Amino acid sequence: MATSTEKNHNKHLDLLHDYKIHLIRYVEELQKMDRESEFLKKWNEEIIVERKKEIQVIDKILKNMITQKI
């Protein structure tokens, strides 16, 4: 049976994973808009790069937390 600390840990991992999914969808939507407008492509370029870096950091955190748990 999981302790309250483990449940809390799992809850935060789930929230972090949900945020990652949100970022992925956000980047996909920005890229879709980029294909429709050259202006938006320039406008969104930096945001997309920043969000992709954020996704990479979240991936590293999740992988490290999961491997530590095992």
PDB file of N, CA and C in Angstrom:
ATOM      1  N   MET A   1       0.841  -1.180   0.000  1.00  0.00           N
ATOM      2  CA  MET A   1       0.000   0.000   0.000  1.00  0.00           C
ATOM      3  C   MET A   1       0.889   1.247   0.000  1.00  0.00           C
ATOM      4  N   ALA A   2       0.530   2.216  -0.792  1.00  0.00           N
ATOM      5  CA  ALA A   2       1.332   3.424  -0.934  1.00  0.00           C
ATOM      6  C   ALA A   2       1.161   4.334   0.280  1.00  0.00           C
ATOM      7  N   THR A   3       2.271   4.921   0.692  1.00  0.00           N
ATOM      8  CA  THR A   3       2.220   5.874   1.798  1.00  0.00           C
ATOM      9  C   THR A   3       1.714   7.216   1.271  1.00  0.00           C
ATOM     10  N   SER A   4       1.409   8.122   2.180  1.00  0.00           N
ATOM     11  CA  SER A   4       0.926   9.448   1.761  1.00  0.00           C
ATOM     12  C   SER A   4       2.011  10.202   0.988  1.00  0.00           C
ATOM     13  N   THR A   5       3.265   9.985   1.341  1.00  0.00           N
ATOM     14  CA  THR A   5       4.368  10.622   0.622  1.00  0.00           C
ATOM     15  C   THR A   5       4.441  10.107  -0.809  1.00  0.00           C
ATOM     16  N   GLU A   6       4.277   8.804  -0.971  1.00  0.00           N
ATOM     17  CA  GLU A   6       4.295   8.219  -2.319  1.00  0.00           C
ATOM     18  C   GLU A   6       3.109   8.712  -3.153  1.00  0.00           C
ATOM     19  N   LYS A   7       1.954   8.804  -2.532  1.00  0.00           N
ATOM     20  CA  LYS A   7       0.772   9.308  -3.238  1.00  0.00           C
ATOM     21  C   LYS A   7       0.985  10.750  -3.681  1.00  0.00           C
ATOM     22  N   ASN A   8       1.553  11.560  -2.788  1.00  0.00           N
ATOM     23  CA  ASN A   8       1.839  12.954  -3.096  1.00  0.00           C
ATOM     24  C   ASN A   8       2.859  13.049  -4.237  1.00  0.00           C
ATOM     25  N   HIS A   9       3.874  12.215  -4.163  1.00  0.00           N
ATOM     26  CA  HIS A   9       4.913  12.155  -5.196  1.00  0.00           C
ATOM     27  C   HIS A   9       4.286  11.795  -6.543  1.00  0.00           C
ATOM     28  N   ASN A  10       3.452  10.789  -6.555  1.00  0.00           N
ATOM     29  CA  ASN A  10       2.788  10.358  -7.789  1.00  0.00           C
ATOM     30  C   ASN A  10       1.869  11.448  -8.327  1.00  0.00           C
ATOM     31  N   LYS A  11       1.188  12.132  -7.429  1.00  0.00           N
ATOM     32  CA  LYS A  11       0.287  13.217  -7.836  1.00  0.00           C
ATOM     33  C   LYS A  11       1.072  14.309  -8.564  1.00  0.00           C
ATOM     34  N   HIS A  12       2.228  14.667  -8.011  1.00  0.00           N
ATOM     35  CA  HIS A  12       3.041  15.714  -8.628  1.00  0.00           C
ATOM     36  C   HIS A  12       3.641  15.250  -9.961  1.00  0.00           C
ATOM     37  N   LEU A  13       4.009  13.993 -10.043  1.00  0.00           N
ATOM     38  CA  LEU A  13       4.480  13.461 -11.330  1.00  0.00           C
ATOM     39  C   LEU A  13       3.366  13.525 -12.369  1.00  0.00           C
ATOM     40  N   ASP A  14       2.156  13.186 -11.956  1.00  0.00           N
ATOM     41  CA  ASP A  14       1.009  13.254 -12.867  1.00  0.00           C
ATOM     42  C   ASP A  14       0.754  14.684 -13.329  1.00  0.00           C
ATOM     43  N   LEU A  15       0.830  15.630 -12.407  1.00  0.00           N
ATOM     44  CA  LEU A  15       0.628  17.037 -12.771  1.00  0.00           C
ATOM     45  C   LEU A  15       1.702  17.518 -13.745  1.00  0.00           C
ATOM     46  N   LEU A  16       2.936  17.126 -13.490  1.00  0.00           N
ATOM     47  CA  LEU A  16       4.033  17.502 -14.377  1.00  0.00           C
ATOM     48  C   LEU A  16       3.840  16.888 -15.765  1.00  0.00           C
ATOM     49  N   HIS A  17       3.405  15.661 -15.801  1.00  0.00           N
ATOM     50  CA  HIS A  17       3.144  14.997 -17.077  1.00  0.00           C
ATOM     51  C   HIS A  17       1.987  15.681 -17.817  1.00  0.00           C
ATOM     52  N   ASP A  18       0.948  16.043 -17.094  1.00  0.00           N
ATOM     53  CA  ASP A  18      -0.174  16.758 -17.705  1.00  0.00           C
ATOM     54  C   ASP A  18       0.273  18.097 -18.291  1.00  0.00           C
ATOM     55  N   TYR A  19       1.137  18.788 -17.580  1.00  0.00           N
ATOM     56  CA  TYR A  19       1.665  20.066 -18.070  1.00  0.00           C
ATOM     57  C   TYR A  19       2.486  19.852 -19.337  1.00  0.00           C
ATOM     58  N   LYS A  20       3.257  18.778 -19.364  1.00  0.00           N
ATOM     59  CA  LYS A  20       4.043  18.457 -20.560  1.00  0.00           C
ATOM     60  C   LYS A  20       3.119  18.235 -21.757  1.00  0.00           C
ATOM     61  N   ILE A  21       2.046  17.490 -21.554  1.00  0.00           N
ATOM     62  CA  ILE A  21       1.077  17.242 -22.625  1.00  0.00           C
ATOM     63  C   ILE A  21       0.458  18.562 -23.093  1.00  0.00           C
ATOM     64  N   HIS A  22       0.147  19.428 -22.139  1.00  0.00           N
ATOM     65  CA  HIS A  22      -0.393  20.747 -22.482  1.00  0.00           C
ATOM     66  C   HIS A  22       0.593  21.524 -23.358  1.00  0.00           C
ATOM     67  N   LEU A  23       1.863  21.515 -22.987  1.00  0.00           N
ATOM     68  CA  LEU A  23       2.880  22.229 -23.767  1.00  0.00           C
ATOM     69  C   LEU A  23       3.019  21.658 -25.173  1.00  0.00           C
ATOM     70  N   ILE A  24       2.981  20.356 -25.280  1.00  0.00           N
ATOM     71  CA  ILE A  24       3.091  19.709 -26.598  1.00  0.00           C
ATOM     72  C   ILE A  24       1.938  20.157 -27.489  1.00  0.00           C
ATOM     73  N   ARG A  25       0.742  20.151 -26.951  1.00  0.00           N
ATOM     74  CA  ARG A  25      -0.432  20.586 -27.730  1.00  0.00           C
ATOM     75  C   ARG A  25      -0.335  22.057 -28.100  1.00  0.00           C
ATOM     76  N   TYR A  26       0.163  22.854 -27.175  1.00  0.00           N
ATOM     77  CA  TYR A  26       0.335  24.299 -27.418  1.00  0.00           C
ATOM     78  C   TYR A  26       1.323  24.540 -28.557  1.00  0.00           C
ATOM     79  N   VAL A  27       2.438  23.851 -28.526  1.00  0.00           N
ATOM     80  CA  VAL A  27       3.447  23.980 -29.585  1.00  0.00           C
ATOM     81  C   VAL A  27       2.865  23.525 -30.916  1.00  0.00           C
ATOM     82  N   GLU A  28       2.136  22.432 -30.911  1.00  0.00           N
ATOM     83  CA  GLU A  28       1.514  21.946 -32.155  1.00  0.00           C
ATOM     84  C   GLU A  28       0.543  22.979 -32.720  1.00  0.00           C
ATOM     85  N   GLU A  29      -0.218  23.619 -31.852  1.00  0.00           N
ATOM     86  CA  GLU A  29      -1.163  24.646 -32.301  1.00  0.00           C
ATOM     87  C   GLU A  29      -0.416  25.861 -32.875  1.00  0.00           C
ATOM     88  N   LEU A  30       0.656  26.261 -32.228  1.00  0.00           N
ATOM     89  CA  LEU A  30       1.459  27.378 -32.747  1.00  0.00           C
ATOM     90  C   LEU A  30       2.052  27.034 -34.109  1.00  0.00           C
ATOM     91  N   GLN A  31       2.535  25.816 -34.253  1.00  0.00           N
ATOM     92  CA  GLN A  31       3.104  25.393 -35.528  1.00  0.00           C
ATOM     93  C   GLN A  31       2.040  25.356 -36.618  1.00  0.00           C
ATOM     94  N   LYS A  32       0.838  24.965 -36.255  1.00  0.00           N
ATOM     95  CA  LYS A  32      -0.275  24.962 -37.211  1.00  0.00           C
ATOM     96  C   LYS A  32      -0.561  26.390 -37.685  1.00  0.00           C
ATOM     97  N   MET A  33      -0.587  27.328 -36.758  1.00  0.00           N
ATOM     98  CA  MET A  33      -0.801  28.732 -37.120  1.00  0.00           C
ATOM     99  C   MET A  33       0.330  29.259 -37.991  1.00  0.00           C
ATOM    100  N   ASP A  34       1.549  28.797 -37.701  1.00  0.00           N
ATOM    101  CA  ASP A  34       2.715  29.224 -38.493  1.00  0.00           C
ATOM    102  C   ASP A  34       2.562  28.847 -39.957  1.00  0.00           C
ATOM    103  N   ARG A  35       2.003  27.691 -40.209  1.00  0.00           N
ATOM    104  CA  ARG A  35       1.828  27.241 -41.584  1.00  0.00           C
ATOM    105  C   ARG A  35       0.816  28.118 -42.331  1.00  0.00           C
ATOM    106  N   GLU A  36      -0.065  28.762 -41.582  1.00  0.00           N
ATOM    107  CA  GLU A  36      -1.111  29.578 -42.190  1.00  0.00           C
ATOM    108  C   GLU A  36      -0.717  31.036 -42.368  1.00  0.00           C
ATOM    109  N   SER A  37       0.292  31.499 -41.643  1.00  0.00           N
ATOM    110  CA  SER A  37       0.637  32.913 -41.702  1.00  0.00           C
ATOM    111  C   SER A  37       2.141  33.111 -41.485  1.00  0.00           C
ATOM    112  N   GLU A  38       2.742  33.826 -42.413  1.00  0.00           N
ATOM    113  CA  GLU A  38       4.172  34.132 -42.295  1.00  0.00           C
ATOM    114  C   GLU A  38       4.427  35.068 -41.110  1.00  0.00           C
ATOM    115  N   PHE A  39       3.502  35.998 -40.890  1.00  0.00           N
ATOM    116  CA  PHE A  39       3.632  36.908 -39.747  1.00  0.00           C
ATOM    117  C   PHE A  39       3.652  36.127 -38.436  1.00  0.00           C
ATOM    118  N   LEU A  40       2.719  35.205 -38.295  1.00  0.00           N
ATOM    119  CA  LEU A  40       2.663  34.401 -37.071  1.00  0.00           C
ATOM    120  C   LEU A  40       3.892  33.521 -36.922  1.00  0.00           C
ATOM    121  N   LYS A  41       4.431  33.088 -38.038  1.00  0.00           N
ATOM    122  CA  LYS A  41       5.629  32.251 -37.984  1.00  0.00           C
ATOM    123  C   LYS A  41       6.764  33.006 -37.297  1.00  0.00           C
ATOM    124  N   LYS A  42       6.956  34.242 -37.671  1.00  0.00           N
ATOM    125  CA  LYS A  42       7.996  35.063 -37.030  1.00  0.00           C
ATOM    126  C   LYS A  42       7.639  35.340 -35.570  1.00  0.00           C
ATOM    127  N   TRP A  43       6.393  35.604 -35.337  1.00  0.00           N
ATOM    128  CA  TRP A  43       5.907  35.942 -33.993  1.00  0.00           C
ATOM    129  C   TRP A  43       6.083  34.759 -33.032  1.00  0.00           C
ATOM    130  N   ASN A  44       5.774  33.566 -33.490  1.00  0.00           N
ATOM    131  CA  ASN A  44       5.767  32.381 -32.630  1.00  0.00           C
ATOM    132  C   ASN A  44       7.102  31.657 -32.531  1.00  0.00           C
ATOM    133  N   GLU A  45       8.026  32.010 -33.368  1.00  0.00           N
ATOM    134  CA  GLU A  45       9.289  31.276 -33.457  1.00  0.00           C
ATOM    135  C   GLU A  45       9.994  31.125 -32.108  1.00  0.00           C
ATOM    136  N   GLU A  46      10.151  32.216 -31.404  1.00  0.00           N
ATOM    137  CA  GLU A  46      10.856  32.182 -30.116  1.00  0.00           C
ATOM    138  C   GLU A  46      10.057  31.411 -29.064  1.00  0.00           C
ATOM    139  N   ILE A  47       8.760  31.591 -29.067  1.00  0.00           N
ATOM    140  CA  ILE A  47       7.901  30.889 -28.098  1.00  0.00           C
ATOM    141  C   ILE A  47       8.011  29.384 -28.295  1.00  0.00           C
ATOM    142  N   ILE A  48       7.989  28.952 -29.554  1.00  0.00           N
ATOM    143  CA  ILE A  48       8.075  27.518 -29.846  1.00  0.00           C
ATOM    144  C   ILE A  48       9.398  26.951 -29.347  1.00  0.00           C
ATOM    145  N   VAL A  49      10.488  27.659 -29.590  1.00  0.00           N
ATOM    146  CA  VAL A  49      11.808  27.195 -29.142  1.00  0.00           C
ATOM    147  C   VAL A  49      11.841  27.092 -27.617  1.00  0.00           C
ATOM    148  N   GLU A  50      11.310  28.110 -26.932  1.00  0.00           N
ATOM    149  CA  GLU A  50      11.291  28.097 -25.466  1.00  0.00           C
ATOM    150  C   GLU A  50      10.451  26.945 -24.917  1.00  0.00           C
ATOM    151  N   ARG A  51       9.291  26.717 -25.496  1.00  0.00           N
ATOM    152  CA  ARG A  51       8.417  25.648 -25.021  1.00  0.00           C
ATOM    153  C   ARG A  51       9.020  24.268 -25.283  1.00  0.00           C
ATOM    154  N   LYS A  52       9.714  24.107 -26.407  1.00  0.00           N
ATOM    155  CA  LYS A  52      10.368  22.825 -26.690  1.00  0.00           C
ATOM    156  C   LYS A  52      11.475  22.553 -25.680  1.00  0.00           C
ATOM    157  N   LYS A  53      12.202  23.591 -25.290  1.00  0.00           N
ATOM    158  CA  LYS A  53      13.230  23.431 -24.256  1.00  0.00           C
ATOM    159  C   LYS A  53      12.582  23.057 -22.925  1.00  0.00           C
ATOM    160  N   GLU A  54      11.467  23.698 -22.630  1.00  0.00           N
ATOM    161  CA  GLU A  54      10.740  23.388 -21.395  1.00  0.00           C
ATOM    162  C   GLU A  54      10.265  21.940 -21.387  1.00  0.00           C
ATOM    163  N   ILE A  55       9.791  21.463 -22.521  1.00  0.00           N
ATOM    164  CA  ILE A  55       9.359  20.063 -22.641  1.00  0.00           C
ATOM    165  C   ILE A  55      10.540  19.127 -22.394  1.00  0.00           C
ATOM    166  N   GLN A  56      11.707  19.455 -22.919  1.00  0.00           N
ATOM    167  CA  GLN A  56      12.896  18.625 -22.708  1.00  0.00           C
ATOM    168  C   GLN A  56      13.273  18.565 -21.233  1.00  0.00           C
ATOM    169  N   VAL A  57      13.197  19.704 -20.553  1.00  0.00           N
ATOM    170  CA  VAL A  57      13.512  19.735 -19.120  1.00  0.00           C
ATOM    171  C   VAL A  57      12.521  18.879 -18.335  1.00  0.00           C
ATOM    172  N   ILE A  58      11.251  19.005 -18.658  1.00  0.00           N
ATOM    173  CA  ILE A  58      10.226  18.209 -17.977  1.00  0.00           C
ATOM    174  C   ILE A  58      10.464  16.724 -18.222  1.00  0.00           C
ATOM    175  N   ASP A  59      10.823  16.360 -19.455  1.00  0.00           N
ATOM    176  CA  ASP A  59      11.133  14.961 -19.759  1.00  0.00           C
ATOM    177  C   ASP A  59      12.267  14.443 -18.881  1.00  0.00           C
ATOM    178  N   LYS A  60      13.313  15.240 -18.748  1.00  0.00           N
ATOM    179  CA  LYS A  60      14.456  14.826 -17.919  1.00  0.00           C
ATOM    180  C   LYS A  60      14.025  14.651 -16.458  1.00  0.00           C
ATOM    181  N   ILE A  61      13.240  15.581 -15.963  1.00  0.00           N
ATOM    182  CA  ILE A  61      12.769  15.492 -14.574  1.00  0.00           C
ATOM    183  C   ILE A  61      11.936  14.228 -14.385  1.00  0.00           C
ATOM    184  N   LEU A  62      10.999  14.009 -15.293  1.00  0.00           N
ATOM    185  CA  LEU A  62      10.145  12.820 -15.171  1.00  0.00           C
ATOM    186  C   LEU A  62      10.957  11.531 -15.229  1.00  0.00           C
ATOM    187  N   LYS A  63      11.891  11.459 -16.159  1.00  0.00           N
ATOM    188  CA  LYS A  63      12.714  10.249 -16.275  1.00  0.00           C
ATOM    189  C   LYS A  63      13.547  10.024 -15.025  1.00  0.00           C
ATOM    190  N   ASN A  64      14.126  11.097 -14.478  1.00  0.00           N
ATOM    191  CA  ASN A  64      14.925  10.958 -13.266  1.00  0.00           C
ATOM    192  C   ASN A  64      14.068  10.552 -12.066  1.00  0.00           C
ATOM    193  N   MET A  65      12.882  11.128 -11.962  1.00  0.00           N
ATOM    194  CA  MET A  65      12.006  10.802 -10.835  1.00  0.00           C
ATOM    195  C   MET A  65      11.515   9.357 -10.930  1.00  0.00           C
ATOM    196  N   ILE A  66      11.219   8.915 -12.121  1.00  0.00           N
ATOM    197  CA  ILE A  66      10.734   7.550 -12.312  1.00  0.00           C
ATOM    198  C   ILE A  66      11.835   6.540 -12.036  1.00  0.00           C
ATOM    199  N   THR A  67      13.050   6.813 -12.519  1.00  0.00           N
ATOM    200  CA  THR A  67      14.152   5.861 -12.290  1.00  0.00           C
ATOM    201  C   THR A  67      14.564   5.843 -10.826  1.00  0.00           C
ATOM    202  N   GLN A  68      14.433   6.966 -10.122  1.00  0.00           N
ATOM    203  CA  GLN A  68      14.747   6.982  -8.690  1.00  0.00           C
ATOM    204  C   GLN A  68      13.727   6.172  -7.903  1.00  0.00           C
ATOM    205  N   LYS A  69      12.497   6.172  -8.380  1.00  0.00           N
ATOM    206  CA  LYS A  69      11.440   5.458  -7.669  1.00  0.00           C
ATOM    207  C   LYS A  69      11.621   3.949  -7.790  1.00  0.00           C
ATOM    208  N   ILE A  70      12.175   3.512  -8.926  1.00  0.00           N
ATOM    209  CA  ILE A  70      12.367   2.079  -9.168  1.00  0.00           C
ATOM    210  C   ILE A  70      13.523   1.601  -8.406  1.00  0.00           C
TER     211      ILE A  70
END
